[in-house]
Amino acid sequence: MKFLKELYGAGILLFYYAKYPILIGYPALIYGMDYKSSLVMDILWVYCLALMIKDIIFKFVLKRKYCDNLSRSSK
């Protein structure tokens, strides 16, 4: 059980810091440098894209709703 928790924590840190370089760099490698496409990297790229979309939704959409509700209650 401890190993799974450590693996989960390492995965969170990896994707927190590596999602943007993977999201930008992998298409550059494929289309700009004729890198061979692999299924594992394709799945990893889609996962990083989903994480980025989640970050955008939480940062801009949900925060905007929270700020609107907060400003209405203070008036």
N, C-alpha and C. Protein backbone atom coordinates (compact mmCIF):
# COMPACT_ATOMS: atom_id res chain seq x y z
N MET A 1 0.82 -1.19 0.00
CA MET A 1 0.00 0.00 0.00
C MET A 1 0.87 1.26 0.00
N LYS A 2 1.96 1.23 0.77
CA LYS A 2 2.85 2.38 0.82
C LYS A 2 3.48 2.64 -0.54
N PHE A 3 3.82 1.56 -1.26
CA PHE A 3 4.41 1.70 -2.59
C PHE A 3 3.44 2.40 -3.55
N LEU A 4 2.16 2.06 -3.48
CA LEU A 4 1.17 2.68 -4.35
C LEU A 4 1.01 4.16 -4.05
N LYS A 5 1.07 4.53 -2.76
CA LYS A 5 0.98 5.95 -2.39
C LYS A 5 2.20 6.71 -2.92
N GLU A 6 3.38 6.11 -2.83
CA GLU A 6 4.58 6.76 -3.34
C GLU A 6 4.53 6.88 -4.86
N LEU A 7 4.04 5.86 -5.52
CA LEU A 7 3.91 5.89 -6.97
C LEU A 7 2.90 6.96 -7.40
N TYR A 8 1.81 7.07 -6.68
CA TYR A 8 0.80 8.09 -6.97
C TYR A 8 1.38 9.50 -6.78
N GLY A 9 2.12 9.70 -5.70
CA GLY A 9 2.73 11.00 -5.44
C GLY A 9 3.76 11.36 -6.50
N ALA A 10 4.54 10.39 -6.92
CA ALA A 10 5.53 10.63 -7.97
C ALA A 10 4.85 10.96 -9.29
N GLY A 11 3.74 10.30 -9.57
CA GLY A 11 2.99 10.60 -10.80
C GLY A 11 2.41 12.00 -10.79
N ILE A 12 1.92 12.43 -9.64
CA ILE A 12 1.38 13.78 -9.54
C ILE A 12 2.47 14.81 -9.79
N LEU A 13 3.63 14.62 -9.16
CA LEU A 13 4.73 15.56 -9.37
C LEU A 13 5.22 15.54 -10.81
N LEU A 14 5.31 14.37 -11.40
CA LEU A 14 5.75 14.27 -12.79
C LEU A 14 4.83 15.04 -13.71
N PHE A 15 3.54 14.81 -13.59
CA PHE A 15 2.61 15.46 -14.50
C PHE A 15 2.41 16.92 -14.17
N TYR A 16 2.65 17.33 -12.92
CA TYR A 16 2.54 18.75 -12.58
C TYR A 16 3.63 19.55 -13.28
N TYR A 17 4.84 19.01 -13.31
CA TYR A 17 5.95 19.74 -13.90
C TYR A 17 6.20 19.41 -15.36
N ALA A 18 5.78 18.28 -15.84
CA ALA A 18 6.14 17.84 -17.18
C ALA A 18 5.01 17.93 -18.19
N LYS A 19 3.82 18.36 -17.78
CA LYS A 19 2.71 18.32 -18.73
C LYS A 19 2.86 19.35 -19.85
N TYR A 20 3.36 20.54 -19.55
CA TYR A 20 3.50 21.54 -20.60
C TYR A 20 4.65 21.23 -21.56
N PRO A 21 5.83 20.80 -21.08
CA PRO A 21 6.86 20.39 -22.06
C PRO A 21 6.43 19.22 -22.93
N ILE A 22 5.70 18.27 -22.37
CA ILE A 22 5.22 17.14 -23.18
C ILE A 22 4.17 17.62 -24.17
N LEU A 23 3.28 18.49 -23.72
CA LEU A 23 2.20 18.98 -24.57
C LEU A 23 2.73 19.79 -25.75
N ILE A 24 3.78 20.55 -25.54
CA ILE A 24 4.35 21.38 -26.60
C ILE A 24 5.45 20.63 -27.36
N GLY A 25 6.27 19.90 -26.65
CA GLY A 25 7.45 19.28 -27.25
C GLY A 25 7.17 18.06 -28.11
N TYR A 26 6.21 17.26 -27.73
CA TYR A 26 5.95 16.03 -28.48
C TYR A 26 5.47 16.31 -29.91
N PRO A 27 4.52 17.22 -30.12
CA PRO A 27 4.17 17.54 -31.52
C PRO A 27 5.34 18.16 -32.30
N ALA A 28 6.17 18.94 -31.60
CA ALA A 28 7.35 19.50 -32.27
C ALA A 28 8.31 18.40 -32.71
N LEU A 29 8.46 17.37 -31.88
CA LEU A 29 9.32 16.25 -32.25
C LEU A 29 8.75 15.49 -33.44
N ILE A 30 7.45 15.26 -33.44
CA ILE A 30 6.84 14.46 -34.51
C ILE A 30 6.83 15.21 -35.83
N TYR A 31 6.35 16.47 -35.82
CA TYR A 31 6.16 17.19 -37.07
C TYR A 31 7.40 17.97 -37.50
N GLY A 32 8.21 18.38 -36.56
CA GLY A 32 9.37 19.18 -36.92
C GLY A 32 10.65 18.39 -37.09
N MET A 33 10.78 17.28 -36.38
CA MET A 33 12.04 16.55 -36.40
C MET A 33 11.89 15.10 -36.84
N ASP A 34 10.76 14.76 -37.41
CA ASP A 34 10.49 13.42 -37.95
C ASP A 34 10.71 12.31 -36.93
N TYR A 35 10.26 12.55 -35.70
CA TYR A 35 10.30 11.55 -34.63
C TYR A 35 9.20 10.53 -34.88
N LYS A 36 9.49 9.26 -34.68
CA LYS A 36 8.47 8.23 -34.88
C LYS A 36 7.43 8.29 -33.78
N SER A 37 6.19 8.22 -34.15
CA SER A 37 5.09 8.25 -33.19
C SER A 37 4.97 6.92 -32.46
N SER A 38 4.67 6.98 -31.17
CA SER A 38 4.46 5.75 -30.41
C SER A 38 3.13 5.86 -29.65
N LEU A 39 2.51 4.74 -29.45
CA LEU A 39 1.21 4.71 -28.79
C LEU A 39 1.28 5.20 -27.36
N VAL A 40 2.33 4.84 -26.64
CA VAL A 40 2.46 5.26 -25.24
C VAL A 40 2.59 6.77 -25.15
N MET A 41 3.41 7.37 -26.00
CA MET A 41 3.57 8.83 -25.97
C MET A 41 2.31 9.54 -26.45
N ASP A 42 1.58 8.93 -27.37
CA ASP A 42 0.32 9.52 -27.80
C ASP A 42 -0.69 9.55 -26.65
N ILE A 43 -0.77 8.47 -25.90
CA ILE A 43 -1.67 8.42 -24.75
C ILE A 43 -1.22 9.40 -23.68
N LEU A 44 0.08 9.49 -23.43
CA LEU A 44 0.61 10.45 -22.47
C LEU A 44 0.31 11.88 -22.89
N TRP A 45 0.40 12.18 -24.18
CA TRP A 45 0.10 13.52 -24.69
C TRP A 45 -1.37 13.85 -24.49
N VAL A 46 -2.25 12.91 -24.78
CA VAL A 46 -3.69 13.16 -24.58
C VAL A 46 -4.00 13.36 -23.10
N TYR A 47 -3.34 12.61 -22.23
CA TYR A 47 -3.53 12.78 -20.79
C TYR A 47 -3.06 14.16 -20.33
N CYS A 48 -1.94 14.61 -20.84
CA CYS A 48 -1.45 15.95 -20.51
C CYS A 48 -2.39 17.03 -21.04
N LEU A 49 -2.97 16.81 -22.20
CA LEU A 49 -3.94 17.75 -22.74
C LEU A 49 -5.17 17.83 -21.85
N ALA A 50 -5.64 16.69 -21.37
CA ALA A 50 -6.79 16.67 -20.46
C ALA A 50 -6.45 17.39 -19.16
N LEU A 51 -5.25 17.21 -18.64
CA LEU A 51 -4.85 17.91 -17.42
C LEU A 51 -4.79 19.42 -17.64
N MET A 52 -4.32 19.85 -18.80
CA MET A 52 -4.26 21.28 -19.09
C MET A 52 -5.66 21.87 -19.21
N ILE A 53 -6.57 21.16 -19.85
CA ILE A 53 -7.95 21.64 -19.97
C ILE A 53 -8.59 21.72 -18.59
N LYS A 54 -8.33 20.75 -17.74
CA LYS A 54 -8.84 20.78 -16.38
C LYS A 54 -8.30 21.99 -15.62
N ASP A 55 -7.01 22.27 -15.78
CA ASP A 55 -6.41 23.44 -15.12
C ASP A 55 -7.06 24.74 -15.59
N ILE A 56 -7.30 24.85 -16.88
CA ILE A 56 -7.93 26.07 -17.42
C ILE A 56 -9.34 26.23 -16.88
N ILE A 57 -10.09 25.15 -16.83
CA ILE A 57 -11.45 25.22 -16.31
C ILE A 57 -11.45 25.62 -14.85
N PHE A 58 -10.60 25.00 -14.04
CA PHE A 58 -10.57 25.33 -12.62
C PHE A 58 -10.06 26.74 -12.38
N LYS A 59 -9.09 27.19 -13.18
CA LYS A 59 -8.48 28.50 -12.94
C LYS A 59 -9.37 29.64 -13.40
N PHE A 60 -9.98 29.52 -14.57
CA PHE A 60 -10.70 30.64 -15.13
C PHE A 60 -12.21 30.54 -14.94
N VAL A 61 -12.79 29.40 -15.20
CA VAL A 61 -14.24 29.27 -15.14
C VAL A 61 -14.74 29.22 -13.71
N LEU A 62 -14.21 28.33 -12.92
CA LEU A 62 -14.69 28.18 -11.55
C LEU A 62 -14.29 29.34 -10.66
N LYS A 63 -13.12 29.92 -10.88
CA LYS A 63 -12.69 31.06 -10.08
C LYS A 63 -13.55 32.27 -10.39
N ARG A 64 -13.91 32.43 -11.62
CA ARG A 64 -14.75 33.57 -11.99
C ARG A 64 -16.11 33.48 -11.30
N LYS A 65 -16.69 32.30 -11.27
CA LYS A 65 -17.97 32.13 -10.58
C LYS A 65 -17.83 32.41 -9.09
N TYR A 66 -16.73 31.97 -8.50
CA TYR A 66 -16.52 32.18 -7.08
C TYR A 66 -16.36 33.67 -6.78
N CYS A 67 -15.62 34.38 -7.62
CA CYS A 67 -15.42 35.81 -7.39
C CYS A 67 -16.71 36.58 -7.60
N ASP A 68 -17.51 36.19 -8.57
CA ASP A 68 -18.79 36.86 -8.79
C ASP A 68 -19.70 36.68 -7.59
N ASN A 69 -19.78 35.48 -7.03
CA ASN A 69 -20.60 35.24 -5.86
C ASN A 69 -20.08 36.00 -4.64
N LEU A 70 -18.77 36.10 -4.52
CA LEU A 70 -18.18 36.80 -3.40
C LEU A 70 -18.44 38.29 -3.49
N SER A 71 -18.36 38.88 -4.68
CA SER A 71 -18.57 40.31 -4.81
C SER A 71 -20.03 40.67 -4.62
N ARG A 72 -20.94 39.79 -4.99
CA ARG A 72 -22.37 40.06 -4.78
C ARG A 72 -22.73 40.04 -3.30
N SER A 73 -22.10 39.16 -2.54
CA SER A 73 -22.45 39.06 -1.13
C SER A 73 -21.88 40.22 -0.33
N SER A 74 -20.82 40.90 -0.84
CA SER A 74 -20.25 42.01 -0.09
C SER A 74 -20.96 43.31 -0.34
N LYS A 75 -21.84 43.41 -1.33
CA LYS A 75 -22.53 44.68 -1.66
C LYS A 75 -23.66 44.96 -0.74
